[in-house]
Amino acid sequence: MDAAAKDLDTRGLNCPLPILKAKKALADLASGELLRVVATDPGSMRDFQAFARQTGNELVEQSRQGDEFVHVLRRR
């Protein structure tokens, strides 16, 4: 996988803040660039899947690392 153009730390934030911050960060990226989001909210797994479907941005990868959830989005 390509390196993320931007990393976003949303640890400690609950829904909908990780999504809102990701939306803002994606707006600053060029089409095709990757955004990596680290969250601690378990609901973020479902939230980012819905966000990708609704916005047309590609959810490239989701993983869990201990208590953290990592989401990688590709800007449409």
PDB file of N, CA and C in Angstrom:
ATOM      1  N   MET A   1       0.836  -1.193   0.000  1.00  0.00           N
ATOM      2  CA  MET A   1       0.000   0.000   0.000  1.00  0.00           C
ATOM      3  C   MET A   1       0.877   1.251   0.000  1.00  0.00           C
ATOM      4  N   ASP A   2       0.405   2.281  -0.662  1.00  0.00           N
ATOM      5  CA  ASP A   2       1.140   3.545  -0.701  1.00  0.00           C
ATOM      6  C   ASP A   2       1.162   4.180   0.677  1.00  0.00           C
ATOM      7  N   ALA A   3       2.144   5.029   0.902  1.00  0.00           N
ATOM      8  CA  ALA A   3       2.200   5.771   2.163  1.00  0.00           C
ATOM      9  C   ALA A   3       1.085   6.818   2.177  1.00  0.00           C
ATOM     10  N   ALA A   4       0.537   7.048   3.361  1.00  0.00           N
ATOM     11  CA  ALA A   4      -0.530   8.040   3.495  1.00  0.00           C
ATOM     12  C   ALA A   4       0.044   9.437   3.310  1.00  0.00           C
ATOM     13  N   ALA A   5      -0.694  10.284   2.611  1.00  0.00           N
ATOM     14  CA  ALA A   5      -0.284  11.668   2.427  1.00  0.00           C
ATOM     15  C   ALA A   5      -0.453  12.429   3.740  1.00  0.00           C
ATOM     16  N   LYS A   6      -1.372  11.947   4.568  1.00  0.00           N
ATOM     17  CA  LYS A   6      -1.643  12.630   5.833  1.00  0.00           C
ATOM     18  C   LYS A   6      -2.072  11.609   6.878  1.00  0.00           C
ATOM     19  N   ASP A   7      -1.610  11.808   8.118  1.00  0.00           N
ATOM     20  CA  ASP A   7      -2.032  10.989   9.254  1.00  0.00           C
ATOM     21  C   ASP A   7      -2.901  11.838  10.155  1.00  0.00           C
ATOM     22  N   LEU A   8      -3.991  11.246  10.626  1.00  0.00           N
ATOM     23  CA  LEU A   8      -4.923  11.958  11.491  1.00  0.00           C
ATOM     24  C   LEU A   8      -5.110  11.155  12.767  1.00  0.00           C
ATOM     25  N   ASP A   9      -4.816  11.768  13.898  1.00  0.00           N
ATOM     26  CA  ASP A   9      -4.949  11.111  15.196  1.00  0.00           C
ATOM     27  C   ASP A   9      -6.258  11.558  15.834  1.00  0.00           C
ATOM     28  N   THR A  10      -7.228  10.640  15.925  1.00  0.00           N
ATOM     29  CA  THR A  10      -8.501  10.982  16.563  1.00  0.00           C
ATOM     30  C   THR A  10      -8.698  10.140  17.828  1.00  0.00           C
ATOM     31  N   ARG A  11      -7.604   9.667  18.401  1.00  0.00           N
ATOM     32  CA  ARG A  11      -7.707   8.865  19.630  1.00  0.00           C
ATOM     33  C   ARG A  11      -8.372   9.673  20.733  1.00  0.00           C
ATOM     34  N   GLY A  12      -9.302   9.025  21.437  1.00  0.00           N
ATOM     35  CA  GLY A  12      -9.993   9.679  22.547  1.00  0.00           C
ATOM     36  C   GLY A  12     -11.249  10.424  22.109  1.00  0.00           C
ATOM     37  N   LEU A  13     -11.463  10.550  20.810  1.00  0.00           N
ATOM     38  CA  LEU A  13     -12.653  11.246  20.315  1.00  0.00           C
ATOM     39  C   LEU A  13     -13.738  10.234  19.965  1.00  0.00           C
ATOM     40  N   ASN A  14     -14.977  10.591  20.251  1.00  0.00           N
ATOM     41  CA  ASN A  14     -16.087   9.713  19.919  1.00  0.00           C
ATOM     42  C   ASN A  14     -16.874  10.259  18.739  1.00  0.00           C
ATOM     43  N   CYS A  15     -17.651   9.378  18.139  1.00  0.00           N
ATOM     44  CA  CYS A  15     -18.495   9.719  17.005  1.00  0.00           C
ATOM     45  C   CYS A  15     -19.308  10.978  17.334  1.00  0.00           C
ATOM     46  N   PRO A  16     -19.444  11.920  16.429  1.00  0.00           N
ATOM     47  CA  PRO A  16     -19.008  11.871  15.027  1.00  0.00           C
ATOM     48  C   PRO A  16     -17.683  12.588  14.775  1.00  0.00           C
ATOM     49  N   LEU A  17     -16.936  12.925  15.817  1.00  0.00           N
ATOM     50  CA  LEU A  17     -15.725  13.727  15.632  1.00  0.00           C
ATOM     51  C   LEU A  17     -14.671  13.103  14.713  1.00  0.00           C
ATOM     52  N   PRO A  18     -14.365  11.793  14.825  1.00  0.00           N
ATOM     53  CA  PRO A  18     -13.370  11.239  13.891  1.00  0.00           C
ATOM     54  C   PRO A  18     -13.783  11.407  12.425  1.00  0.00           C
ATOM     55  N   ILE A  19     -15.072  11.220  12.149  1.00  0.00           N
ATOM     56  CA  ILE A  19     -15.573  11.373  10.773  1.00  0.00           C
ATOM     57  C   ILE A  19     -15.472  12.829  10.325  1.00  0.00           C
ATOM     58  N   LEU A  20     -15.874  13.745  11.183  1.00  0.00           N
ATOM     59  CA  LEU A  20     -15.835  15.167  10.828  1.00  0.00           C
ATOM     60  C   LEU A  20     -14.406  15.624  10.556  1.00  0.00           C
ATOM     61  N   LYS A  21     -13.479  15.178  11.395  1.00  0.00           N
ATOM     62  CA  LYS A  21     -12.072  15.553  11.200  1.00  0.00           C
ATOM     63  C   LYS A  21     -11.513  14.915   9.923  1.00  0.00           C
ATOM     64  N   ALA A  22     -11.925  13.685   9.640  1.00  0.00           N
ATOM     65  CA  ALA A  22     -11.471  13.006   8.417  1.00  0.00           C
ATOM     66  C   ALA A  22     -12.015  13.725   7.183  1.00  0.00           C
ATOM     67  N   LYS A  23     -13.259  14.145   7.258  1.00  0.00           N
ATOM     68  CA  LYS A  23     -13.876  14.851   6.128  1.00  0.00           C
ATOM     69  C   LYS A  23     -13.104  16.133   5.824  1.00  0.00           C
ATOM     70  N   LYS A  24     -12.743  16.851   6.875  1.00  0.00           N
ATOM     71  CA  LYS A  24     -11.988  18.102   6.730  1.00  0.00           C
ATOM     72  C   LYS A  24     -10.585  17.825   6.162  1.00  0.00           C
ATOM     73  N   ALA A  25      -9.936  16.773   6.663  1.00  0.00           N
ATOM     74  CA  ALA A  25      -8.588  16.426   6.208  1.00  0.00           C
ATOM     75  C   ALA A  25      -8.604  15.980   4.740  1.00  0.00           C
ATOM     76  N   LEU A  26      -9.621  15.222   4.352  1.00  0.00           N
ATOM     77  CA  LEU A  26      -9.720  14.761   2.962  1.00  0.00           C
ATOM     78  C   LEU A  26      -9.868  15.936   1.999  1.00  0.00           C
ATOM     79  N   ALA A  27     -10.541  16.983   2.448  1.00  0.00           N
ATOM     80  CA  ALA A  27     -10.756  18.158   1.598  1.00  0.00           C
ATOM     81  C   ALA A  27      -9.425  18.820   1.230  1.00  0.00           C
ATOM     82  N   ASP A  28      -8.397  18.633   2.074  1.00  0.00           N
ATOM     83  CA  ASP A  28      -7.083  19.236   1.824  1.00  0.00           C
ATOM     84  C   ASP A  28      -6.193  18.365   0.937  1.00  0.00           C
ATOM     85  N   LEU A  29      -6.639  17.146   0.635  1.00  0.00           N
ATOM     86  CA  LEU A  29      -5.825  16.234  -0.149  1.00  0.00           C
ATOM     87  C   LEU A  29      -6.199  16.289  -1.629  1.00  0.00           C
ATOM     88  N   ALA A  30      -5.249  15.896  -2.473  1.00  0.00           N
ATOM     89  CA  ALA A  30      -5.522  15.793  -3.905  1.00  0.00           C
ATOM     90  C   ALA A  30      -6.217  14.458  -4.171  1.00  0.00           C
ATOM     91  N   SER A  31      -6.921  14.373  -5.268  1.00  0.00           N
ATOM     92  CA  SER A  31      -7.599  13.137  -5.652  1.00  0.00           C
ATOM     93  C   SER A  31      -6.596  11.986  -5.725  1.00  0.00           C
ATOM     94  N   GLY A  32      -6.950  10.858  -5.097  1.00  0.00           N
ATOM     95  CA  GLY A  32      -6.079   9.686  -5.118  1.00  0.00           C
ATOM     96  C   GLY A  32      -5.132   9.578  -3.937  1.00  0.00           C
ATOM     97  N   GLU A  33      -4.972  10.672  -3.180  1.00  0.00           N
ATOM     98  CA  GLU A  33      -4.076  10.611  -2.017  1.00  0.00           C
ATOM     99  C   GLU A  33      -4.746   9.868  -0.864  1.00  0.00           C
ATOM    100  N   LEU A  34      -3.904   9.308   0.014  1.00  0.00           N
ATOM    101  CA  LEU A  34      -4.414   8.509   1.129  1.00  0.00           C
ATOM    102  C   LEU A  34      -4.405   9.285   2.442  1.00  0.00           C
ATOM    103  N   LEU A  35      -5.448   9.040   3.233  1.00  0.00           N
ATOM    104  CA  LEU A  35      -5.546   9.589   4.584  1.00  0.00           C
ATOM    105  C   LEU A  35      -5.609   8.413   5.546  1.00  0.00           C
ATOM    106  N   ARG A  36      -4.733   8.423   6.552  1.00  0.00           N
ATOM    107  CA  ARG A  36      -4.722   7.367   7.566  1.00  0.00           C
ATOM    108  C   ARG A  36      -5.266   7.955   8.866  1.00  0.00           C
ATOM    109  N   VAL A  37      -6.320   7.337   9.372  1.00  0.00           N
ATOM    110  CA  VAL A  37      -6.968   7.820  10.595  1.00  0.00           C
ATOM    111  C   VAL A  37      -6.814   6.774  11.692  1.00  0.00           C
ATOM    112  N   VAL A  38      -6.339   7.205  12.862  1.00  0.00           N
ATOM    113  CA  VAL A  38      -6.243   6.313  14.017  1.00  0.00           C
ATOM    114  C   VAL A  38      -7.304   6.757  15.022  1.00  0.00           C
ATOM    115  N   ALA A  39      -8.172   5.823  15.410  1.00  0.00           N
ATOM    116  CA  ALA A  39      -9.265   6.137  16.323  1.00  0.00           C
ATOM    117  C   ALA A  39      -9.309   5.109  17.457  1.00  0.00           C
ATOM    118  N   THR A  40      -9.969   5.471  18.552  1.00  0.00           N
ATOM    119  CA  THR A  40     -10.152   4.527  19.659  1.00  0.00           C
ATOM    120  C   THR A  40     -11.624   4.181  19.851  1.00  0.00           C
ATOM    121  N   ASP A  41     -12.502   4.802  19.084  1.00  0.00           N
ATOM    122  CA  ASP A  41     -13.939   4.538  19.174  1.00  0.00           C
ATOM    123  C   ASP A  41     -14.276   3.282  18.361  1.00  0.00           C
ATOM    124  N   PRO A  42     -14.724   2.190  19.025  1.00  0.00           N
ATOM    125  CA  PRO A  42     -15.048   0.955  18.291  1.00  0.00           C
ATOM    126  C   PRO A  42     -16.092   1.182  17.203  1.00  0.00           C
ATOM    127  N   GLY A  43     -16.981   2.128  17.406  1.00  0.00           N
ATOM    128  CA  GLY A  43     -18.006   2.444  16.417  1.00  0.00           C
ATOM    129  C   GLY A  43     -17.433   3.028  15.140  1.00  0.00           C
ATOM    130  N   SER A  44     -16.165   3.449  15.194  1.00  0.00           N
ATOM    131  CA  SER A  44     -15.555   4.072  14.012  1.00  0.00           C
ATOM    132  C   SER A  44     -15.431   3.079  12.854  1.00  0.00           C
ATOM    133  N   MET A  45     -15.358   1.772  13.153  1.00  0.00           N
ATOM    134  CA  MET A  45     -15.269   0.774  12.075  1.00  0.00           C
ATOM    135  C   MET A  45     -16.502   0.893  11.175  1.00  0.00           C
ATOM    136  N   ARG A  46     -17.657   0.882  11.789  1.00  0.00           N
ATOM    137  CA  ARG A  46     -18.922   0.992  11.060  1.00  0.00           C
ATOM    138  C   ARG A  46     -19.084   2.391  10.459  1.00  0.00           C
ATOM    139  N   ASP A  47     -18.718   3.398  11.240  1.00  0.00           N
ATOM    140  CA  ASP A  47     -18.880   4.787  10.799  1.00  0.00           C
ATOM    141  C   ASP A  47     -18.090   5.075   9.527  1.00  0.00           C
ATOM    142  N   PHE A  48     -16.840   4.599   9.464  1.00  0.00           N
ATOM    143  CA  PHE A  48     -16.016   4.887   8.287  1.00  0.00           C
ATOM    144  C   PHE A  48     -16.494   4.106   7.062  1.00  0.00           C
ATOM    145  N   GLN A  49     -17.080   2.925   7.280  1.00  0.00           N
ATOM    146  CA  GLN A  49     -17.648   2.174   6.153  1.00  0.00           C
ATOM    147  C   GLN A  49     -18.815   2.962   5.549  1.00  0.00           C
ATOM    148  N   ALA A  50     -19.680   3.484   6.415  1.00  0.00           N
ATOM    149  CA  ALA A  50     -20.832   4.269   5.955  1.00  0.00           C
ATOM    150  C   ALA A  50     -20.368   5.571   5.303  1.00  0.00           C
ATOM    151  N   PHE A  51     -19.364   6.211   5.913  1.00  0.00           N
ATOM    152  CA  PHE A  51     -18.830   7.470   5.382  1.00  0.00           C
ATOM    153  C   PHE A  51     -18.295   7.274   3.957  1.00  0.00           C
ATOM    154  N   ALA A  52     -17.558   6.189   3.745  1.00  0.00           N
ATOM    155  CA  ALA A  52     -16.992   5.917   2.420  1.00  0.00           C
ATOM    156  C   ALA A  52     -18.112   5.699   1.395  1.00  0.00           C
ATOM    157  N   ARG A  53     -19.117   4.930   1.778  1.00  0.00           N
ATOM    158  CA  ARG A  53     -20.249   4.688   0.864  1.00  0.00           C
ATOM    159  C   ARG A  53     -20.960   5.990   0.504  1.00  0.00           C
ATOM    160  N   GLN A  54     -21.164   6.838   1.498  1.00  0.00           N
ATOM    161  CA  GLN A  54     -21.940   8.065   1.283  1.00  0.00           C
ATOM    162  C   GLN A  54     -21.165   9.130   0.514  1.00  0.00           C
ATOM    163  N   THR A  55     -19.840   9.146   0.646  1.00  0.00           N
ATOM    164  CA  THR A  55     -19.052  10.229   0.042  1.00  0.00           C
ATOM    165  C   THR A  55     -18.345   9.824  -1.240  1.00  0.00           C
ATOM    166  N   GLY A  56     -18.255   8.521  -1.506  1.00  0.00           N
ATOM    167  CA  GLY A  56     -17.560   8.078  -2.708  1.00  0.00           C
ATOM    168  C   GLY A  56     -16.056   7.985  -2.542  1.00  0.00           C
ATOM    169  N   ASN A  57     -15.552   8.286  -1.344  1.00  0.00           N
ATOM    170  CA  ASN A  57     -14.127   8.070  -1.073  1.00  0.00           C
ATOM    171  C   ASN A  57     -13.935   6.577  -0.819  1.00  0.00           C
ATOM    172  N   GLU A  58     -12.793   6.041  -1.235  1.00  0.00           N
ATOM    173  CA  GLU A  58     -12.562   4.601  -1.102  1.00  0.00           C
ATOM    174  C   GLU A  58     -11.977   4.272   0.261  1.00  0.00           C
ATOM    175  N   LEU A  59     -12.595   3.300   0.942  1.00  0.00           N
ATOM    176  CA  LEU A  59     -12.043   2.792   2.202  1.00  0.00           C
ATOM    177  C   LEU A  59     -11.079   1.680   1.815  1.00  0.00           C
ATOM    178  N   VAL A  60      -9.784   2.010   1.829  1.00  0.00           N
ATOM    179  CA  VAL A  60      -8.765   1.093   1.325  1.00  0.00           C
ATOM    180  C   VAL A  60      -8.493  -0.025   2.316  1.00  0.00           C
ATOM    181  N   GLU A  61      -8.484   0.315   3.596  1.00  0.00           N
ATOM    182  CA  GLU A  61      -8.100  -0.662   4.615  1.00  0.00           C
ATOM    183  C   GLU A  61      -8.660  -0.269   5.971  1.00  0.00           C
ATOM    184  N   GLN A  62      -9.034  -1.272   6.753  1.00  0.00           N
ATOM    185  CA  GLN A  62      -9.399  -1.064   8.156  1.00  0.00           C
ATOM    186  C   GLN A  62      -8.725  -2.160   8.954  1.00  0.00           C
ATOM    187  N   SER A  63      -8.160  -1.792  10.086  1.00  0.00           N
ATOM    188  CA  SER A  63      -7.554  -2.811  10.932  1.00  0.00           C
ATOM    189  C   SER A  63      -7.671  -2.395  12.389  1.00  0.00           C
ATOM    190  N   ARG A  64      -7.537  -3.384  13.252  1.00  0.00           N
ATOM    191  CA  ARG A  64      -7.551  -3.121  14.688  1.00  0.00           C
ATOM    192  C   ARG A  64      -6.179  -3.481  15.229  1.00  0.00           C
ATOM    193  N   GLN A  65      -5.616  -2.548  15.984  1.00  0.00           N
ATOM    194  CA  GLN A  65      -4.318  -2.795  16.616  1.00  0.00           C
ATOM    195  C   GLN A  65      -4.486  -2.524  18.100  1.00  0.00           C
ATOM    196  N   GLY A  66      -4.760  -3.591  18.856  1.00  0.00           N
ATOM    197  CA  GLY A  66      -5.034  -3.422  20.279  1.00  0.00           C
ATOM    198  C   GLY A  66      -6.325  -2.658  20.470  1.00  0.00           C
ATOM    199  N   ASP A  67      -6.242  -1.521  21.153  1.00  0.00           N
ATOM    200  CA  ASP A  67      -7.427  -0.694  21.408  1.00  0.00           C
ATOM    201  C   ASP A  67      -7.628   0.365  20.337  1.00  0.00           C
ATOM    202  N   GLU A  68      -6.811   0.314  19.301  1.00  0.00           N
ATOM    203  CA  GLU A  68      -6.884   1.340  18.259  1.00  0.00           C
ATOM    204  C   GLU A  68      -7.417   0.769  16.945  1.00  0.00           C
ATOM    205  N   PHE A  69      -8.134   1.610  16.240  1.00  0.00           N
ATOM    206  CA  PHE A  69      -8.706   1.236  14.956  1.00  0.00           C
ATOM    207  C   PHE A  69      -8.083   2.137  13.896  1.00  0.00           C
ATOM    208  N   VAL A  70      -7.553   1.516  12.847  1.00  0.00           N
ATOM    209  CA  VAL A  70      -6.877   2.271  11.794  1.00  0.00           C
ATOM    210  C   VAL A  70      -7.704   2.195  10.513  1.00  0.00           C
ATOM    211  N   HIS A  71      -7.983   3.354   9.943  1.00  0.00           N
ATOM    212  CA  HIS A  71      -8.783   3.455   8.725  1.00  0.00           C
ATOM    213  C   HIS A  71      -7.952   4.184   7.687  1.00  0.00           C
ATOM    214  N   VAL A  72      -7.891   3.643   6.481  1.00  0.00           N
ATOM    215  CA  VAL A  72      -7.162   4.293   5.395  1.00  0.00           C
ATOM    216  C   VAL A  72      -8.167   4.596   4.279  1.00  0.00           C
ATOM    217  N   LEU A  73      -8.274   5.871   3.953  1.00  0.00           N
ATOM    218  CA  LEU A  73      -9.214   6.332   2.925  1.00  0.00           C
ATOM    219  C   LEU A  73      -8.452   6.920   1.746  1.00  0.00           C
ATOM    220  N   ARG A  74      -8.964   6.666   0.545  1.00  0.00           N
ATOM    221  CA  ARG A  74      -8.386   7.279  -0.656  1.00  0.00           C
ATOM    222  C   ARG A  74      -9.357   8.350  -1.140  1.00  0.00           C
ATOM    223  N   ARG A  75      -8.835   9.569  -1.279  1.00  0.00           N
ATOM    224  CA  ARG A  75      -9.674  10.685  -1.720  1.00  0.00           C
ATOM    225  C   ARG A  75     -10.173  10.451  -3.138  1.00  0.00           C
ATOM    226  N   ARG A  76     -11.455  10.659  -3.349  1.00  0.00           N
ATOM    227  CA  ARG A  76     -12.015  10.422  -4.689  1.00  0.00           C
ATOM    228  C   ARG A  76     -11.622  11.507  -5.651  1.00  0.00           C
TER     229      ARG A  76
END
